C-alpha atoms as a PDB file:
ATOM      1  CA  MET A   1       0.000   0.000   0.000  1.00  0.00           C
ATOM      2  CA  MET A   2       2.890   2.351   0.854  1.00  0.00           C
ATOM      3  CA  ASN A   3       4.492   1.771  -2.563  1.00  0.00           C
ATOM      4  CA  PHE A   4       1.241   2.733  -4.282  1.00  0.00           C
ATOM      5  CA  LYS A   5       1.060   6.064  -2.400  1.00  0.00           C
ATOM      6  CA  VAL A   6       4.688   6.865  -3.190  1.00  0.00           C
ATOM      7  CA  PHE A   7       4.104   5.947  -6.838  1.00  0.00           C
ATOM      8  CA  ALA A   8       0.983   8.143  -6.977  1.00  0.00           C
ATOM      9  CA  VAL A   9       2.786  11.151  -5.467  1.00  0.00           C
ATOM     10  CA  LEU A  10       5.741  10.742  -7.802  1.00  0.00           C
ATOM     11  CA  SER A  11       3.385  10.450 -10.775  1.00  0.00           C
ATOM     12  CA  LEU A  12       1.649  13.690  -9.821  1.00  0.00           C
ATOM     13  CA  ILE A  13       4.993  15.460  -9.495  1.00  0.00           C
ATOM     14  CA  ALA A  14       6.078  14.180 -12.899  1.00  0.00           C
ATOM     15  CA  LEU A  15       2.807  15.295 -14.496  1.00  0.00           C
ATOM     16  CA  ALA A  16       3.096  18.732 -12.920  1.00  0.00           C
ATOM     17  CA  ALA A  17       6.558  19.088 -14.431  1.00  0.00           C
ATOM     18  CA  CYS A  18       5.054  18.462 -17.872  1.00  0.00           C
ATOM     19  CA  GLN A  19       2.690  21.427 -17.641  1.00  0.00           C
ATOM     20  CA  PRO A  20       3.504  24.036 -20.262  1.00  0.00           C
ATOM     21  CA  ARG A  21       4.930  27.201 -18.749  1.00  0.00           C
ATOM     22  CA  THR A  22       3.466  30.447 -19.963  1.00  0.00           C
ATOM     23  CA  MET A  23       6.230  32.718 -21.106  1.00  0.00           C
ATOM     24  CA  PRO A  24       5.556  36.436 -21.353  1.00  0.00           C
ATOM     25  CA  GLN A  25       4.900  37.635 -24.868  1.00  0.00           C
ATOM     26  CA  LEU A  26       7.872  39.640 -26.150  1.00  0.00           C
ATOM     27  CA  GLY A  27       7.750  42.793 -28.234  1.00  0.00           C
ATOM     28  CA  PRO A  28      10.020  43.652 -31.177  1.00  0.00           C
ATOM     29  CA  ASP A  29      12.605  45.055 -28.739  1.00  0.00           C
ATOM     30  CA  GLY A  30      12.826  41.715 -26.939  1.00  0.00           C
ATOM     31  CA  GLN A  31      11.212  43.100 -23.795  1.00  0.00           C
ATOM     32  CA  PRO A  32       8.029  41.617 -22.318  1.00  0.00           C
ATOM     33  CA  LEU A  33       4.872  43.334 -23.546  1.00  0.00           C
ATOM     34  CA  PRO A  34       2.963  45.141 -20.809  1.00  0.00           C
ATOM     35  CA  VAL A  35       0.077  43.350 -19.191  1.00  0.00           C
ATOM     36  CA  ALA A  36      -2.901  45.599 -18.633  1.00  0.00           C
ATOM     37  CA  TYR A  37      -3.606  46.396 -15.014  1.00  0.00           C
ATOM     38  CA  ARG A  38      -7.356  46.437 -14.458  1.00  0.00           C
ATOM     39  CA  ILE A  39      -8.853  48.875 -11.992  1.00  0.00           C
ATOM     40  CA  ASP A  40     -11.925  47.318 -10.405  1.00  0.00           C
ATOM     41  CA  GLN A  41     -14.320  49.044  -7.989  1.00  0.00           C
ATOM     42  CA  ARG A  42     -12.331  48.021  -4.930  1.00  0.00           C
ATOM     43  CA  GLU A  43      -9.103  49.343  -6.418  1.00  0.00           C
ATOM     44  CA  ALA A  44     -10.804  52.552  -7.536  1.00  0.00           C
ATOM     45  CA  ALA A  45     -11.846  53.231  -3.962  1.00  0.00           C
ATOM     46  CA  GLU A  46      -8.338  52.553  -2.616  1.00  0.00           C
ATOM     47  CA  ILE A  47      -6.166  54.370  -5.165  1.00  0.00           C
ATOM     48  CA  PRO A  48      -6.547  58.002  -4.001  1.00  0.00           C
ATOM     49  CA  ALA A  49      -5.685  57.220  -0.375  1.00  0.00           C
ATOM     50  CA  ARG A  50      -2.858  54.872  -1.399  1.00  0.00           C
ATOM     51  CA  VAL A  51      -1.270  57.489  -3.686  1.00  0.00           C
ATOM     52  CA  LEU A  52      -1.642  60.178  -1.020  1.00  0.00           C
ATOM     53  CA  GLN A  53      -0.054  57.908   1.604  1.00  0.00           C
ATOM     54  CA  GLN A  54       2.870  57.018  -0.656  1.00  0.00           C
ATOM     55  CA  ILE A  55       3.490  60.647  -1.603  1.00  0.00           C
ATOM     56  CA  ASN A  56       3.309  61.813   2.002  1.00  0.00           C
ATOM     57  CA  MET A  57       5.839  59.146   3.026  1.00  0.00           C
ATOM     58  CA  LEU A  58       8.196  60.346   0.285  1.00  0.00           C
ATOM     59  CA  ARG A  59       7.707  63.968   1.315  1.00  0.00           C
ATOM     60  CA  ALA A  60       8.281  63.140   5.006  1.00  0.00           C
ATOM     61  CA  ASN A  61      11.656  61.629   4.080  1.00  0.00           C
ATOM     62  CA  VAL A  62      12.848  65.049   2.916  1.00  0.00           C
ATOM     63  CA  GLY A  63      11.067  67.103   5.571  1.00  0.00           C
ATOM     64  CA  ALA A  64       8.321  68.399   3.242  1.00  0.00           C
ATOM     65  CA  PRO A  65       4.869  68.884   4.760  1.00  0.00           C
ATOM     66  CA  PRO A  66       2.150  66.329   3.928  1.00  0.00           C
ATOM     67  CA  LEU A  67      -0.375  66.954   1.178  1.00  0.00           C
ATOM     68  CA  MET A  68      -4.132  66.776   1.592  1.00  0.00           C
ATOM     69  CA  GLN A  69      -6.522  65.417  -1.015  1.00  0.00           C
ATOM     70  CA  ASN A  70      -8.298  68.308  -2.748  1.00  0.00           C
ATOM     71  CA  PRO A  71     -11.668  67.574  -4.418  1.00  0.00           C
ATOM     72  CA  GLN A  72     -11.348  70.418  -6.937  1.00  0.00           C
ATOM     73  CA  LEU A  73      -7.920  69.205  -8.036  1.00  0.00           C
ATOM     74  CA  ASP A  74      -9.285  65.628  -8.186  1.00  0.00           C
ATOM     75  CA  ALA A  75     -12.080  66.821 -10.482  1.00  0.00           C
ATOM     76  CA  ALA A  76      -9.651  68.727 -12.725  1.00  0.00           C
ATOM     77  CA  ALA A  77      -7.394  65.642 -12.898  1.00  0.00           C
ATOM     78  CA  LEU A  78     -10.320  63.406 -13.850  1.00  0.00           C
ATOM     79  CA  ALA A  79     -11.491  65.803 -16.562  1.00  0.00           C
ATOM     80  CA  HIS A  80      -8.014  65.884 -18.060  1.00  0.00           C
ATOM     81  CA  SER A  81      -7.528  62.101 -17.891  1.00  0.00           C
ATOM     82  CA  ARG A  82     -10.748  61.613 -19.843  1.00  0.00           C
ATOM     83  CA  ASP A  83      -9.812  64.347 -22.300  1.00  0.00           C
ATOM     84  CA  MET A  84      -6.365  62.846 -22.961  1.00  0.00           C
ATOM     85  CA  ALA A  85      -8.037  59.502 -23.709  1.00  0.00           C
ATOM     86  CA  ALA A  86     -10.443  61.209 -26.114  1.00  0.00           C
ATOM     87  CA  GLN A  87      -7.507  62.925 -27.839  1.00  0.00           C
ATOM     88  CA  ASN A  88      -5.425  59.727 -27.678  1.00  0.00           C
ATOM     89  CA  ARG A  89      -2.485  61.879 -26.640  1.00  0.00           C
ATOM     90  CA  ALA A  90      -0.757  62.401 -23.305  1.00  0.00           C
ATOM     91  CA  TRP A  91      -0.064  66.093 -23.058  1.00  0.00           C
ATOM     92  CA  HIS A  92      -0.859  69.043 -20.843  1.00  0.00           C
ATOM     93  CA  TRP A  93      -3.314  70.817 -23.161  1.00  0.00           C
ATOM     94  CA  GLY A  94      -7.019  70.071 -23.228  1.00  0.00           C
ATOM     95  CA  SER A  95      -8.884  69.501 -26.464  1.00  0.00           C
ATOM     96  CA  ASP A  96     -10.364  72.966 -25.924  1.00  0.00           C
ATOM     97  CA  GLY A  97      -6.902  74.518 -25.537  1.00  0.00           C
ATOM     98  CA  SER A  98      -7.153  74.617 -21.732  1.00  0.00           C
ATOM     99  CA  SER A  99      -4.075  74.577 -19.538  1.00  0.00           C
ATOM    100  CA  PRO A 100      -3.791  72.785 -16.182  1.00  0.00           C
ATOM    101  CA  LEU A 101      -4.528  76.117 -14.462  1.00  0.00           C
ATOM    102  CA  ASP A 102      -7.626  76.662 -16.627  1.00  0.00           C
ATOM    103  CA  ARG A 103      -8.937  73.201 -15.704  1.00  0.00           C
ATOM    104  CA  ALA A 104      -8.278  73.722 -11.991  1.00  0.00           C
ATOM    105  CA  ARG A 105     -10.072  77.111 -12.067  1.00  0.00           C
ATOM    106  CA  ALA A 106     -13.013  75.578 -13.939  1.00  0.00           C
ATOM    107  CA  GLN A 107     -13.410  73.122 -11.047  1.00  0.00           C
ATOM    108  CA  GLY A 108     -13.379  75.904  -8.445  1.00  0.00           C
ATOM    109  CA  TYR A 109      -9.741  75.710  -7.362  1.00  0.00           C
ATOM    110  CA  PHE A 110      -8.373  79.196  -6.706  1.00  0.00           C
ATOM    111  CA  GLY A 111      -5.093  78.379  -4.969  1.00  0.00           C
ATOM    112  CA  THR A 112      -1.707  78.373  -6.640  1.00  0.00           C
ATOM    113  CA  LEU A 113      -1.302  75.499  -9.066  1.00  0.00           C
ATOM    114  CA  ILE A 114       2.185  74.040  -8.706  1.00  0.00           C
ATOM    115  CA  GLY A 115       2.187  71.444 -11.445  1.00  0.00           C
ATOM    116  CA  GLU A 116       0.630  68.593 -13.341  1.00  0.00           C
ATOM    117  CA  ASN A 117       1.982  65.110 -14.025  1.00  0.00           C
ATOM    118  CA  ILE A 118       0.446  62.919 -16.711  1.00  0.00           C
ATOM    119  CA  SER A 119       0.938  59.382 -17.924  1.00  0.00           C
ATOM    120  CA  GLU A 120      -0.369  57.052 -20.602  1.00  0.00           C
ATOM    121  CA  THR A 121       0.325  53.525 -19.423  1.00  0.00           C
ATOM    122  CA  TYR A 122      -0.889  50.045 -18.573  1.00  0.00           C
ATOM    123  CA  GLU A 123       0.696  50.268 -15.116  1.00  0.00           C
ATOM    124  CA  ASN A 124      -0.924  50.650 -11.724  1.00  0.00           C
ATOM    125  CA  ASP A 125      -0.848  53.751  -9.530  1.00  0.00           C
ATOM    126  CA  ILE A 126       2.306  52.829  -7.606  1.00  0.00           C
ATOM    127  CA  GLN A 127       4.263  51.931 -10.746  1.00  0.00           C
ATOM    128  CA  THR A 128       3.152  55.221 -12.288  1.00  0.00           C
ATOM    129  CA  LEU A 129       4.169  57.131  -9.162  1.00  0.00           C
ATOM    130  CA  ASN A 130       7.577  55.394  -9.275  1.00  0.00           C
ATOM    131  CA  ALA A 131       7.995  56.479 -12.909  1.00  0.00           C
ATOM    132  CA  TRP A 132       7.151  60.072 -11.975  1.00  0.00           C
ATOM    133  CA  MET A 133       9.624  59.967  -9.093  1.00  0.00           C
ATOM    134  CA  SER A 134      12.408  58.788 -11.413  1.00  0.00           C
ATOM    135  CA  GLU A 135      12.276  61.984 -13.503  1.00  0.00           C
ATOM    136  CA  ARG A 136      13.334  65.333 -12.059  1.00  0.00           C
ATOM    137  CA  ASP A 137      10.558  67.497 -13.539  1.00  0.00           C
ATOM    138  CA  THR A 138       7.711  65.210 -12.473  1.00  0.00           C
ATOM    139  CA  ARG A 139       9.354  64.499  -9.113  1.00  0.00           C
ATOM    140  CA  ASP A 140       9.561  68.263  -8.487  1.00  0.00           C
ATOM    141  CA  VAL A 141       5.772  68.566  -8.937  1.00  0.00           C
ATOM    142  CA  ILE A 142       5.247  65.932  -6.236  1.00  0.00           C
ATOM    143  CA  MET A 143       7.985  67.039  -3.851  1.00  0.00           C
ATOM    144  CA  ASP A 144       7.597  70.837  -4.037  1.00  0.00           C
ATOM    145  CA  PRO A 145       7.763  71.929  -0.377  1.00  0.00           C
ATOM    146  CA  THR A 146       5.172  74.678  -0.927  1.00  0.00           C
ATOM    147  CA  ALA A 147       2.520  72.197  -2.106  1.00  0.00           C
ATOM    148  CA  THR A 148      -0.371  71.539   0.269  1.00  0.00           C
ATOM    149  CA  GLY A 149      -3.031  69.953  -1.964  1.00  0.00           C
ATOM    150  CA  LEU A 150      -3.154  66.939  -4.254  1.00  0.00           C
ATOM    151  CA  GLY A 151      -5.510  65.837  -6.975  1.00  0.00           C
ATOM    152  CA  VAL A 152      -5.136  62.479  -8.661  1.00  0.00           C
ATOM    153  CA  ALA A 153      -7.393  60.682 -11.119  1.00  0.00           C
ATOM    154  CA  TRP A 154      -7.368  58.293 -14.049  1.00  0.00           C
ATOM    155  CA  TYR A 155      -9.433  57.072 -16.922  1.00  0.00           C
ATOM    156  CA  GLN A 156      -9.135  53.455 -18.044  1.00  0.00           C
ATOM    157  CA  GLU A 157     -10.059  52.554 -21.609  1.00  0.00           C
ATOM    158  CA  PRO A 158     -11.722  49.211 -22.401  1.00  0.00           C
ATOM    159  CA  SER A 159      -8.341  48.105 -23.841  1.00  0.00           C
ATOM    160  CA  GLY A 160      -6.825  48.525 -20.380  1.00  0.00           C
ATOM    161  CA  LYS A 161      -4.783  51.637 -21.163  1.00  0.00           C
ATOM    162  CA  ILE A 162      -4.834  54.063 -18.242  1.00  0.00           C
ATOM    163  CA  TRP A 163      -4.526  57.835 -18.510  1.00  0.00           C
ATOM    164  CA  TRP A 164      -3.236  59.237 -15.191  1.00  0.00           C
ATOM    165  CA  THR A 165      -3.247  62.867 -14.064  1.00  0.00           C
ATOM    166  CA  LEU A 166      -1.800  64.266 -10.841  1.00  0.00           C
ATOM    167  CA  LEU A 167      -2.035  67.929  -9.797  1.00  0.00           C
ATOM    168  CA  THR A 168      -0.445  69.705  -6.863  1.00  0.00           C
ATOM    169  CA  GLY A 169      -1.247  73.135  -5.534  1.00  0.00           C
ATOM    170  CA  SER A 170      -1.022  75.381  -2.515  1.00  0.00           C
END
């Protein structure tokens, strides 16, 4: 009876080793193609607080004051994320010619706008934040010591592409 159990276990191990392994699909540059990150309802509810927490930890490391979520900046960020998707272009100008300041004012924000970060990606919020932190100009928007408010939003296309917008102001 013992030999049968050992044989059965060894057979299962051998069969498991025969399973085909899924290799990531490679692009023309030899790098793995991005896998779309899907934002479900649970994630959508968690993203703003998670981004704010991560940014405030980064700012605390350099002695910068924490940011607070600002609903007007959130609304301006959402409007721009949707507009970039409609234009199919990641840039700081709205389809109506609006600037980041114009969009913030249109949402009722009358503080000083410090900057806007944008991204067209298949990556999640933390990967996008890491990309912004790796570049001086986008890092400066996040780390500006005079900033007090944060707006962050996204629009995800059915294809999975995500258009991110982050605004800071004081």
